[in-house]
mmCIF file of all heavy atoms, coordinates in Angstrom:
data_MODEL
# 
_entry.id   MODEL 
# 
loop_
_atom_site.group_PDB 
_atom_site.id 
_atom_site.type_symbol 
_atom_site.label_atom_id 
_atom_site.label_alt_id 
_atom_site.label_comp_id 
_atom_site.label_asym_id 
_atom_site.label_entity_id 
_atom_site.label_seq_id 
_atom_site.pdbx_PDB_ins_code 
_atom_site.Cartn_x 
_atom_site.Cartn_y 
_atom_site.Cartn_z 
_atom_site.occupancy 
_atom_site.B_iso_or_equiv 
_atom_site.pdbx_formal_charge 
_atom_site.auth_seq_id 
_atom_site.auth_comp_id 
_atom_site.auth_asym_id 
_atom_site.auth_atom_id 
_atom_site.pdbx_PDB_model_num 
ATOM 1   N N   . ASN A 1 1  ? 96.029  107.679 115.542 1.00 0.00 ? 1  ASN A N   1 
ATOM 2   C CA  . ASN A 1 1  ? 95.315  108.905 115.854 1.00 0.00 ? 1  ASN A CA  1 
ATOM 3   C C   . ASN A 1 1  ? 96.254  109.850 116.592 1.00 0.00 ? 1  ASN A C   1 
ATOM 4   O O   . ASN A 1 1  ? 96.795  109.491 117.636 1.00 0.00 ? 1  ASN A O   1 
ATOM 5   C CB  . ASN A 1 1  ? 94.089  108.630 116.734 1.00 0.00 ? 1  ASN A CB  1 
ATOM 6   C CG  . ASN A 1 1  ? 93.420  109.913 117.200 1.00 0.00 ? 1  ASN A CG  1 
ATOM 7   O OD1 . ASN A 1 1  ? 92.767  110.595 116.416 1.00 0.00 ? 1  ASN A OD1 1 
ATOM 8   N ND2 . ASN A 1 1  ? 93.579  110.249 118.478 1.00 0.00 ? 1  ASN A ND2 1 
ATOM 9   N N   . GLU A 1 2  ? 96.468  111.030 116.018 1.00 0.00 ? 2  GLU A N   1 
ATOM 10  C CA  . GLU A 1 2  ? 97.276  112.069 116.660 1.00 0.00 ? 2  GLU A CA  1 
ATOM 11  C C   . GLU A 1 2  ? 98.604  111.524 117.191 1.00 0.00 ? 2  GLU A C   1 
ATOM 12  O O   . GLU A 1 2  ? 98.979  111.737 118.344 1.00 0.00 ? 2  GLU A O   1 
ATOM 13  C CB  . GLU A 1 2  ? 96.468  112.747 117.771 1.00 0.00 ? 2  GLU A CB  1 
ATOM 14  C CG  . GLU A 1 2  ? 95.220  113.457 117.239 1.00 0.00 ? 2  GLU A CG  1 
ATOM 15  C CD  . GLU A 1 2  ? 94.373  114.090 118.328 1.00 0.00 ? 2  GLU A CD  1 
ATOM 16  O OE1 . GLU A 1 2  ? 94.565  113.757 119.514 1.00 0.00 ? 2  GLU A OE1 1 
ATOM 17  O OE2 . GLU A 1 2  ? 93.496  114.907 117.990 1.00 0.00 ? 2  GLU A OE2 1 
ATOM 18  N N   . ASP A 1 3  ? 99.319  110.820 116.324 1.00 0.00 ? 3  ASP A N   1 
ATOM 19  C CA  . ASP A 1 3  ? 100.578 110.197 116.747 1.00 0.00 ? 3  ASP A CA  1 
ATOM 20  C C   . ASP A 1 3  ? 101.704 111.186 116.952 1.00 0.00 ? 3  ASP A C   1 
ATOM 21  O O   . ASP A 1 3  ? 102.804 110.800 117.375 1.00 0.00 ? 3  ASP A O   1 
ATOM 22  C CB  . ASP A 1 3  ? 100.995 109.144 115.715 1.00 0.00 ? 3  ASP A CB  1 
ATOM 23  C CG  . ASP A 1 3  ? 100.159 107.882 115.802 1.00 0.00 ? 3  ASP A CG  1 
ATOM 24  O OD1 . ASP A 1 3  ? 99.019  107.882 115.289 1.00 0.00 ? 3  ASP A OD1 1 
ATOM 25  O OD2 . ASP A 1 3  ? 100.616 106.903 116.396 1.00 0.00 ? 3  ASP A OD2 1 
ATOM 26  N N   . ASN A 1 4  ? 101.462 112.455 116.653 1.00 0.00 ? 4  ASN A N   1 
ATOM 27  C CA  . ASN A 1 4  ? 102.457 113.477 116.966 1.00 0.00 ? 4  ASN A CA  1 
ATOM 28  C C   . ASN A 1 4  ? 102.443 113.875 118.429 1.00 0.00 ? 4  ASN A C   1 
ATOM 29  O O   . ASN A 1 4  ? 103.299 114.638 118.883 1.00 0.00 ? 4  ASN A O   1 
ATOM 30  C CB  . ASN A 1 4  ? 102.226 114.721 116.103 1.00 0.00 ? 4  ASN A CB  1 
ATOM 31  C CG  . ASN A 1 4  ? 100.805 115.263 116.224 1.00 0.00 ? 4  ASN A CG  1 
ATOM 32  O OD1 . ASN A 1 4  ? 99.853  114.490 116.274 1.00 0.00 ? 4  ASN A OD1 1 
ATOM 33  N ND2 . ASN A 1 4  ? 100.654 116.582 116.249 1.00 0.00 ? 4  ASN A ND2 1 
ATOM 34  N N   . LEU A 1 5  ? 101.480 113.341 119.203 1.00 0.00 ? 5  LEU A N   1 
ATOM 35  C CA  . LEU A 1 5  ? 101.363 113.645 120.620 1.00 0.00 ? 5  LEU A CA  1 
ATOM 36  C C   . LEU A 1 5  ? 101.802 112.445 121.466 1.00 0.00 ? 5  LEU A C   1 
ATOM 37  O O   . LEU A 1 5  ? 102.026 111.349 120.952 1.00 0.00 ? 5  LEU A O   1 
ATOM 38  C CB  . LEU A 1 5  ? 99.918  114.013 120.959 1.00 0.00 ? 5  LEU A CB  1 
ATOM 39  C CG  . LEU A 1 5  ? 99.288  115.143 120.124 1.00 0.00 ? 5  LEU A CG  1 
ATOM 40  C CD1 . LEU A 1 5  ? 97.838  115.354 120.530 1.00 0.00 ? 5  LEU A CD1 1 
ATOM 41  C CD2 . LEU A 1 5  ? 100.091 116.431 120.251 1.00 0.00 ? 5  LEU A CD2 1 
ATOM 42  N N   . ASN A 1 6  ? 101.903 112.666 122.771 1.00 0.00 ? 6  ASN A N   1 
ATOM 43  C CA  . ASN A 1 6  ? 102.134 111.583 123.736 1.00 0.00 ? 6  ASN A CA  1 
ATOM 44  C C   . ASN A 1 6  ? 103.369 110.748 123.421 1.00 0.00 ? 6  ASN A C   1 
ATOM 45  O O   . ASN A 1 6  ? 103.327 109.520 123.451 1.00 0.00 ? 6  ASN A O   1 
ATOM 46  C CB  . ASN A 1 6  ? 100.901 110.665 123.815 1.00 0.00 ? 6  ASN A CB  1 
ATOM 47  C CG  . ASN A 1 6  ? 99.643  111.407 124.190 1.00 0.00 ? 6  ASN A CG  1 
ATOM 48  O OD1 . ASN A 1 6  ? 99.644  112.209 125.111 1.00 0.00 ? 6  ASN A OD1 1 
ATOM 49  N ND2 . ASN A 1 6  ? 98.575  111.161 123.457 1.00 0.00 ? 6  ASN A ND2 1 
ATOM 50  N N   . ASN A 1 7  ? 104.478 111.415 123.075 1.00 0.00 ? 7  ASN A N   1 
ATOM 51  C CA  . ASN A 1 7  ? 105.741 110.719 122.857 1.00 0.00 ? 7  ASN A CA  1 
ATOM 52  C C   . ASN A 1 7  ? 105.726 109.876 121.588 1.00 0.00 ? 7  ASN A C   1 
ATOM 53  O O   . ASN A 1 7  ? 106.541 108.977 121.423 1.00 0.00 ? 7  ASN A O   1 
ATOM 54  C CB  . ASN A 1 7  ? 106.057 109.814 124.068 1.00 0.00 ? 7  ASN A CB  1 
ATOM 55  C CG  . ASN A 1 7  ? 107.461 109.233 124.038 1.00 0.00 ? 7  ASN A CG  1 
ATOM 56  O OD1 . ASN A 1 7  ? 108.406 109.941 123.722 1.00 0.00 ? 7  ASN A OD1 1 
ATOM 57  N ND2 . ASN A 1 7  ? 107.587 107.959 124.364 1.00 0.00 ? 7  ASN A ND2 1 
ATOM 58  N N   . GLY A 1 8  ? 104.809 110.176 120.660 1.00 0.00 ? 8  GLY A N   1 
ATOM 59  C CA  . GLY A 1 8  ? 104.659 109.300 119.502 1.00 0.00 ? 8  GLY A CA  1 
ATOM 60  C C   . GLY A 1 8  ? 105.330 109.746 118.225 1.00 0.00 ? 8  GLY A C   1 
ATOM 61  O O   . GLY A 1 8  ? 105.572 108.923 117.336 1.00 0.00 ? 8  GLY A O   1 
ATOM 62  N N   . GLN A 1 9  ? 105.634 111.032 118.081 1.00 0.00 ? 9  GLN A N   1 
ATOM 63  C CA  . GLN A 1 9  ? 106.027 111.544 116.775 1.00 0.00 ? 9  GLN A CA  1 
ATOM 64  C C   . GLN A 1 9  ? 107.320 110.930 116.246 1.00 0.00 ? 9  GLN A C   1 
ATOM 65  O O   . GLN A 1 9  ? 107.407 110.548 115.065 1.00 0.00 ? 9  GLN A O   1 
ATOM 66  C CB  . GLN A 1 9  ? 106.166 113.071 116.821 1.00 0.00 ? 9  GLN A CB  1 
ATOM 67  C CG  . GLN A 1 9  ? 106.460 113.680 115.462 1.00 0.00 ? 9  GLN A CG  1 
ATOM 68  C CD  . GLN A 1 9  ? 106.270 115.183 115.443 1.00 0.00 ? 9  GLN A CD  1 
ATOM 69  O OE1 . GLN A 1 9  ? 105.687 115.759 116.351 1.00 0.00 ? 9  GLN A OE1 1 
ATOM 70  N NE2 . GLN A 1 9  ? 106.763 115.829 114.397 1.00 0.00 ? 9  GLN A NE2 1 
ATOM 71  N N   . ALA A 1 10 ? 108.340 110.824 117.074 1.00 0.00 ? 10 ALA A N   1 
ATOM 72  C CA  . ALA A 1 10 ? 109.635 110.331 116.598 1.00 0.00 ? 10 ALA A CA  1 
ATOM 73  C C   . ALA A 1 10 ? 109.526 108.920 116.033 1.00 0.00 ? 10 ALA A C   1 
ATOM 74  O O   . ALA A 1 10 ? 110.012 108.641 114.924 1.00 0.00 ? 10 ALA A O   1 
ATOM 75  C CB  . ALA A 1 10 ? 110.662 110.380 117.727 1.00 0.00 ? 10 ALA A CB  1 
ATOM 76  N N   . SER A 1 11 ? 108.896 108.014 116.771 1.00 0.00 ? 11 SER A N   1 
ATOM 77  C CA  . SER A 1 11 ? 108.783 106.627 116.299 1.00 0.00 ? 11 SER A CA  1 
ATOM 78  C C   . SER A 1 11 ? 107.829 106.521 115.110 1.00 0.00 ? 11 SER A C   1 
ATOM 79  O O   . SER A 1 11 ? 108.018 105.680 114.226 1.00 0.00 ? 11 SER A O   1 
ATOM 80  C CB  . SER A 1 11 ? 108.312 105.716 117.434 1.00 0.00 ? 11 SER A CB  1 
ATOM 81  O OG  . SER A 1 11 ? 107.041 106.120 117.926 1.00 0.00 ? 11 SER A OG  1 
ATOM 82  N N   . TYR A 1 12 ? 106.802 107.378 115.081 1.00 0.00 ? 12 TYR A N   1 
ATOM 83  C CA  . TYR A 1 12 ? 105.845 107.348 113.962 1.00 0.00 ? 12 TYR A CA  1 
ATOM 84  C C   . TYR A 1 12 ? 106.550 107.714 112.665 1.00 0.00 ? 12 TYR A C   1 
ATOM 85  O O   . TYR A 1 12 ? 106.370 107.045 111.640 1.00 0.00 ? 12 TYR A O   1 
ATOM 86  C CB  . TYR A 1 12 ? 104.706 108.312 114.243 1.00 0.00 ? 12 TYR A CB  1 
ATOM 87  C CG  . TYR A 1 12 ? 103.488 108.162 113.351 1.00 0.00 ? 12 TYR A CG  1 
ATOM 88  C CD1 . TYR A 1 12 ? 102.588 107.103 113.538 1.00 0.00 ? 12 TYR A CD1 1 
ATOM 89  C CD2 . TYR A 1 12 ? 103.212 109.088 112.350 1.00 0.00 ? 12 TYR A CD2 1 
ATOM 90  C CE1 . TYR A 1 12 ? 101.458 106.978 112.753 1.00 0.00 ? 12 TYR A CE1 1 
ATOM 91  C CE2 . TYR A 1 12 ? 102.090 108.972 111.549 1.00 0.00 ? 12 TYR A CE2 1 
ATOM 92  C CZ  . TYR A 1 12 ? 101.213 107.918 111.752 1.00 0.00 ? 12 TYR A CZ  1 
ATOM 93  O OH  . TYR A 1 12 ? 100.080 107.797 110.960 1.00 0.00 ? 12 TYR A OH  1 
ATOM 94  N N   . GLU A 1 13 ? 107.357 108.759 112.711 1.00 0.00 ? 13 GLU A N   1 
ATOM 95  C CA  . GLU A 1 13 ? 108.043 109.206 111.506 1.00 0.00 ? 13 GLU A CA  1 
ATOM 96  C C   . GLU A 1 13 ? 109.244 108.327 111.174 1.00 0.00 ? 13 GLU A C   1 
ATOM 97  O O   . GLU A 1 13 ? 109.643 108.224 110.010 1.00 0.00 ? 13 GLU A O   1 
ATOM 98  C CB  . GLU A 1 13 ? 108.454 110.663 111.649 1.00 0.00 ? 13 GLU A CB  1 
ATOM 99  C CG  . GLU A 1 13 ? 107.255 111.608 111.779 1.00 0.00 ? 13 GLU A CG  1 
ATOM 100 C CD  . GLU A 1 13 ? 107.632 113.070 111.785 1.00 0.00 ? 13 GLU A CD  1 
ATOM 101 O OE1 . GLU A 1 13 ? 108.819 113.387 111.526 1.00 0.00 ? 13 GLU A OE1 1 
ATOM 102 O OE2 . GLU A 1 13 ? 106.749 113.917 112.033 1.00 0.00 ? 13 GLU A OE2 1 
ATOM 103 N N   . ALA A 1 14 ? 109.801 107.671 112.176 1.00 0.00 ? 14 ALA A N   1 
ATOM 104 C CA  . ALA A 1 14 ? 110.984 106.834 111.935 1.00 0.00 ? 14 ALA A CA  1 
ATOM 105 C C   . ALA A 1 14 ? 110.617 105.479 111.356 1.00 0.00 ? 14 ALA A C   1 
ATOM 106 O O   . ALA A 1 14 ? 111.278 104.999 110.413 1.00 0.00 ? 14 ALA A O   1 
ATOM 107 C CB  . ALA A 1 14 ? 111.766 106.663 113.235 1.00 0.00 ? 14 ALA A CB  1 
ATOM 108 N N   . TYR A 1 15 ? 109.561 104.825 111.894 1.00 0.00 ? 15 TYR A N   1 
ATOM 109 C CA  . TYR A 1 15 ? 109.291 103.466 111.411 1.00 0.00 ? 15 TYR A CA  1 
ATOM 110 C C   . TYR A 1 15 ? 107.834 103.033 111.480 1.00 0.00 ? 15 TYR A C   1 
ATOM 111 O O   . TYR A 1 15 ? 107.399 102.189 110.682 1.00 0.00 ? 15 TYR A O   1 
ATOM 112 C CB  . TYR A 1 15 ? 110.148 102.448 112.186 1.00 0.00 ? 15 TYR A CB  1 
ATOM 113 C CG  . TYR A 1 15 ? 109.843 102.333 113.660 1.00 0.00 ? 15 TYR A CG  1 
ATOM 114 C CD1 . TYR A 1 15 ? 108.850 101.466 114.139 1.00 0.00 ? 15 TYR A CD1 1 
ATOM 115 C CD2 . TYR A 1 15 ? 110.564 103.073 114.593 1.00 0.00 ? 15 TYR A CD2 1 
ATOM 116 C CE1 . TYR A 1 15 ? 108.571 101.367 115.501 1.00 0.00 ? 15 TYR A CE1 1 
ATOM 117 C CE2 . TYR A 1 15 ? 110.303 102.977 115.941 1.00 0.00 ? 15 TYR A CE2 1 
ATOM 118 C CZ  . TYR A 1 15 ? 109.311 102.127 116.399 1.00 0.00 ? 15 TYR A CZ  1 
ATOM 119 O OH  . TYR A 1 15 ? 109.050 102.025 117.744 1.00 0.00 ? 15 TYR A OH  1 
ATOM 120 N N   . ARG A 1 16 ? 107.040 103.604 112.388 1.00 0.00 ? 16 ARG A N   1 
ATOM 121 C CA  . ARG A 1 16 ? 105.701 103.040 112.550 1.00 0.00 ? 16 ARG A CA  1 
ATOM 122 C C   . ARG A 1 16 ? 104.807 103.304 111.338 1.00 0.00 ? 16 ARG A C   1 
ATOM 123 O O   . ARG A 1 16 ? 104.192 102.375 110.807 1.00 0.00 ? 16 ARG A O   1 
ATOM 124 C CB  . ARG A 1 16 ? 105.045 103.573 113.832 1.00 0.00 ? 16 ARG A CB  1 
ATOM 125 C CG  . ARG A 1 16 ? 105.652 103.028 115.101 1.00 0.00 ? 16 ARG A CG  1 
ATOM 126 C CD  . ARG A 1 16 ? 104.796 103.279 116.327 1.00 0.00 ? 16 ARG A CD  1 
ATOM 127 N NE  . ARG A 1 16 ? 104.755 104.695 116.702 1.00 0.00 ? 16 ARG A NE  1 
ATOM 128 C CZ  . ARG A 1 16 ? 103.641 105.437 116.749 1.00 0.00 ? 16 ARG A CZ  1 
ATOM 129 N NH1 . ARG A 1 16 ? 102.480 104.896 116.436 1.00 0.00 ? 16 ARG A NH1 1 
ATOM 130 N NH2 . ARG A 1 16 ? 103.703 106.707 117.122 1.00 0.00 ? 16 ARG A NH2 1 
ATOM 131 N N   . PHE A 1 17 ? 104.704 104.550 110.884 1.00 0.00 ? 17 PHE A N   1 
ATOM 132 C CA  . PHE A 1 17 ? 103.850 104.833 109.734 1.00 0.00 ? 17 PHE A CA  1 
ATOM 133 C C   . PHE A 1 17 ? 104.315 104.061 108.508 1.00 0.00 ? 17 PHE A C   1 
ATOM 134 O O   . PHE A 1 17 ? 103.509 103.457 107.793 1.00 0.00 ? 17 PHE A O   1 
ATOM 135 C CB  . PHE A 1 17 ? 103.819 106.330 109.421 1.00 0.00 ? 17 PHE A CB  1 
ATOM 136 C CG  . PHE A 1 17 ? 102.998 106.647 108.191 1.00 0.00 ? 17 PHE A CG  1 
ATOM 137 C CD1 . PHE A 1 17 ? 101.612 106.657 108.247 1.00 0.00 ? 17 PHE A CD1 1 
ATOM 138 C CD2 . PHE A 1 17 ? 103.616 106.890 106.973 1.00 0.00 ? 17 PHE A CD2 1 
ATOM 139 C CE1 . PHE A 1 17 ? 100.853 106.914 107.106 1.00 0.00 ? 17 PHE A CE1 1 
ATOM 140 C CE2 . PHE A 1 17 ? 102.875 107.152 105.836 1.00 0.00 ? 17 PHE A CE2 1 
ATOM 141 C CZ  . PHE A 1 17 ? 101.486 107.169 105.899 1.00 0.00 ? 17 PHE A CZ  1 
ATOM 142 N N   . LYS A 1 18 ? 105.618 104.052 108.257 1.00 0.00 ? 18 LYS A N   1 
ATOM 143 C CA  . LYS A 1 18 ? 106.149 103.378 107.070 1.00 0.00 ? 18 LYS A CA  1 
ATOM 144 C C   . LYS A 1 18 ? 105.836 101.889 107.079 1.00 0.00 ? 18 LYS A C   1 
ATOM 145 O O   . LYS A 1 18 ? 105.496 101.303 106.040 1.00 0.00 ? 18 LYS A O   1 
ATOM 146 C CB  . LYS A 1 18 ? 107.656 103.592 106.977 1.00 0.00 ? 18 LYS A CB  1 
ATOM 147 C CG  . LYS A 1 18 ? 108.284 103.029 105.701 1.00 0.00 ? 18 LYS A CG  1 
ATOM 148 C CD  . LYS A 1 18 ? 109.767 103.322 105.644 1.00 0.00 ? 18 LYS A CD  1 
ATOM 149 C CE  . LYS A 1 18 ? 110.350 102.922 104.288 1.00 0.00 ? 18 LYS A CE  1 
ATOM 150 N NZ  . LYS A 1 18 ? 110.159 101.495 103.960 1.00 0.00 ? 18 LYS A NZ  1 
ATOM 151 N N   . ALA A 1 19 ? 105.914 101.260 108.243 1.00 0.00 ? 19 ALA A N   1 
ATOM 152 C CA  . ALA A 1 19 ? 105.631 99.822  108.317 1.00 0.00 ? 19 ALA A CA  1 
ATOM 153 C C   . ALA A 1 19 ? 104.201 99.524  107.889 1.00 0.00 ? 19 ALA A C   1 
ATOM 154 O O   . ALA A 1 19 ? 103.943 98.582  107.123 1.00 0.00 ? 19 ALA A O   1 
ATOM 155 C CB  . ALA A 1 19 ? 105.885 99.323  109.732 1.00 0.00 ? 19 ALA A CB  1 
ATOM 156 N N   . PHE A 1 20 ? 103.252 100.322 108.380 1.00 0.00 ? 20 PHE A N   1 
ATOM 157 C CA  . PHE A 1 20 ? 101.852 100.118 107.999 1.00 0.00 ? 20 PHE A CA  1 
ATOM 158 C C   . PHE A 1 20 ? 101.619 100.513 106.540 1.00 0.00 ? 20 PHE A C   1 
ATOM 159 O O   . PHE A 1 20 ? 100.951 99.788  105.798 1.00 0.00 ? 20 PHE A O   1 
ATOM 160 C CB  . PHE A 1 20 ? 100.933 100.938 108.916 1.00 0.00 ? 20 PHE A CB  1 
ATOM 161 C CG  . PHE A 1 20 ? 100.743 100.351 110.278 1.00 0.00 ? 20 PHE A CG  1 
ATOM 162 C CD1 . PHE A 1 20 ? 101.616 100.668 111.314 1.00 0.00 ? 20 PHE A CD1 1 
ATOM 163 C CD2 . PHE A 1 20 ? 99.697  99.481  110.536 1.00 0.00 ? 20 PHE A CD2 1 
ATOM 164 C CE1 . PHE A 1 20 ? 101.444 100.127 112.578 1.00 0.00 ? 20 PHE A CE1 1 
ATOM 165 C CE2 . PHE A 1 20 ? 99.515  98.935  111.798 1.00 0.00 ? 20 PHE A CE2 1 
ATOM 166 C CZ  . PHE A 1 20 ? 100.392 99.251  112.825 1.00 0.00 ? 20 PHE A CZ  1 
ATOM 167 N N   . TYR A 1 21 ? 102.179 101.644 106.151 1.00 0.00 ? 21 TYR A N   1 
ATOM 168 C CA  . TYR A 1 21 ? 101.975 102.126 104.775 1.00 0.00 ? 21 TYR A CA  1 
ATOM 169 C C   . TYR A 1 21 ? 102.474 101.108 103.762 1.00 0.00 ? 21 TYR A C   1 
ATOM 170 O O   . TYR A 1 21 ? 101.749 100.744 102.816 1.00 0.00 ? 21 TYR A O   1 
ATOM 171 C CB  . TYR A 1 21 ? 102.700 103.463 104.585 1.00 0.00 ? 21 TYR A CB  1 
ATOM 172 C CG  . TYR A 1 21 ? 102.601 103.999 103.178 1.00 0.00 ? 21 TYR A CG  1 
ATOM 173 C CD1 . TYR A 1 21 ? 101.519 104.778 102.777 1.00 0.00 ? 21 TYR A CD1 1 
ATOM 174 C CD2 . TYR A 1 21 ? 103.594 103.708 102.240 1.00 0.00 ? 21 TYR A CD2 1 
ATOM 175 C CE1 . TYR A 1 21 ? 101.419 105.258 101.486 1.00 0.00 ? 21 TYR A CE1 1 
ATOM 176 C CE2 . TYR A 1 21 ? 103.504 104.180 100.939 1.00 0.00 ? 21 TYR A CE2 1 
ATOM 177 C CZ  . TYR A 1 21 ? 102.420 104.950 100.565 1.00 0.00 ? 21 TYR A CZ  1 
ATOM 178 O OH  . TYR A 1 21 ? 102.322 105.412 99.275  1.00 0.00 ? 21 TYR A OH  1 
ATOM 179 N N   . ASP A 1 22 ? 103.688 100.637 103.937 1.00 0.00 ? 22 ASP A N   1 
ATOM 180 C CA  . ASP A 1 22 ? 104.278 99.700  102.965 1.00 0.00 ? 22 ASP A CA  1 
ATOM 181 C C   . ASP A 1 22 ? 103.463 98.416  102.875 1.00 0.00 ? 22 ASP A C   1 
ATOM 182 O O   . ASP A 1 22 ? 103.200 97.902  101.769 1.00 0.00 ? 22 ASP A O   1 
ATOM 183 C CB  . ASP A 1 22 ? 105.723 99.370  103.345 1.00 0.00 ? 22 ASP A CB  1 
ATOM 184 C CG  . ASP A 1 22 ? 106.672 100.546 103.130 1.00 0.00 ? 22 ASP A CG  1 
ATOM 185 O OD1 . ASP A 1 22 ? 106.263 101.529 102.474 1.00 0.00 ? 22 ASP A OD1 1 
ATOM 186 O OD2 . ASP A 1 22 ? 107.813 100.476 103.631 1.00 0.00 ? 22 ASP A OD2 1 
ATOM 187 N N   . ALA A 1 23 ? 103.046 97.880  104.017 1.00 0.00 ? 23 ALA A N   1 
ATOM 188 C CA  . ALA A 1 23 ? 102.321 96.609  104.017 1.00 0.00 ? 23 ALA A CA  1 
ATOM 189 C C   . ALA A 1 23 ? 100.926 96.761  103.402 1.00 0.00 ? 23 ALA A C   1 
ATOM 190 O O   . ALA A 1 23 ? 100.480 95.900  102.627 1.00 0.00 ? 23 ALA A O   1 
ATOM 191 C CB  . ALA A 1 23 ? 102.219 96.077  105.443 1.00 0.00 ? 23 ALA A CB  1 
ATOM 192 N N   . ILE A 1 24 ? 100.235 97.843  103.743 1.00 0.00 ? 24 ILE A N   1 
ATOM 193 C CA  . ILE A 1 24 ? 98.877  98.038  103.222 1.00 0.00 ? 24 ILE A CA  1 
ATOM 194 C C   . ILE A 1 24 ? 98.920  98.296  101.718 1.00 0.00 ? 24 ILE A C   1 
ATOM 195 O O   . ILE A 1 24 ? 98.141  97.710  100.950 1.00 0.00 ? 24 ILE A O   1 
ATOM 196 C CB  . ILE A 1 24 ? 98.180  99.185  103.971 1.00 0.00 ? 24 ILE A CB  1 
ATOM 197 C CG1 . ILE A 1 24 ? 97.911  98.781  105.419 1.00 0.00 ? 24 ILE A CG1 1 
ATOM 198 C CG2 . ILE A 1 24 ? 96.858  99.557  103.282 1.00 0.00 ? 24 ILE A CG2 1 
ATOM 199 C CD1 . ILE A 1 24 ? 97.453  99.928  106.308 1.00 0.00 ? 24 ILE A CD1 1 
# 
């Protein structure tokens, strides 16, 4: 939820979203 906020955007775009997307 709103991972572009609270220091989240860099890690979300670098690896977090991709890890969930690929596995799901």
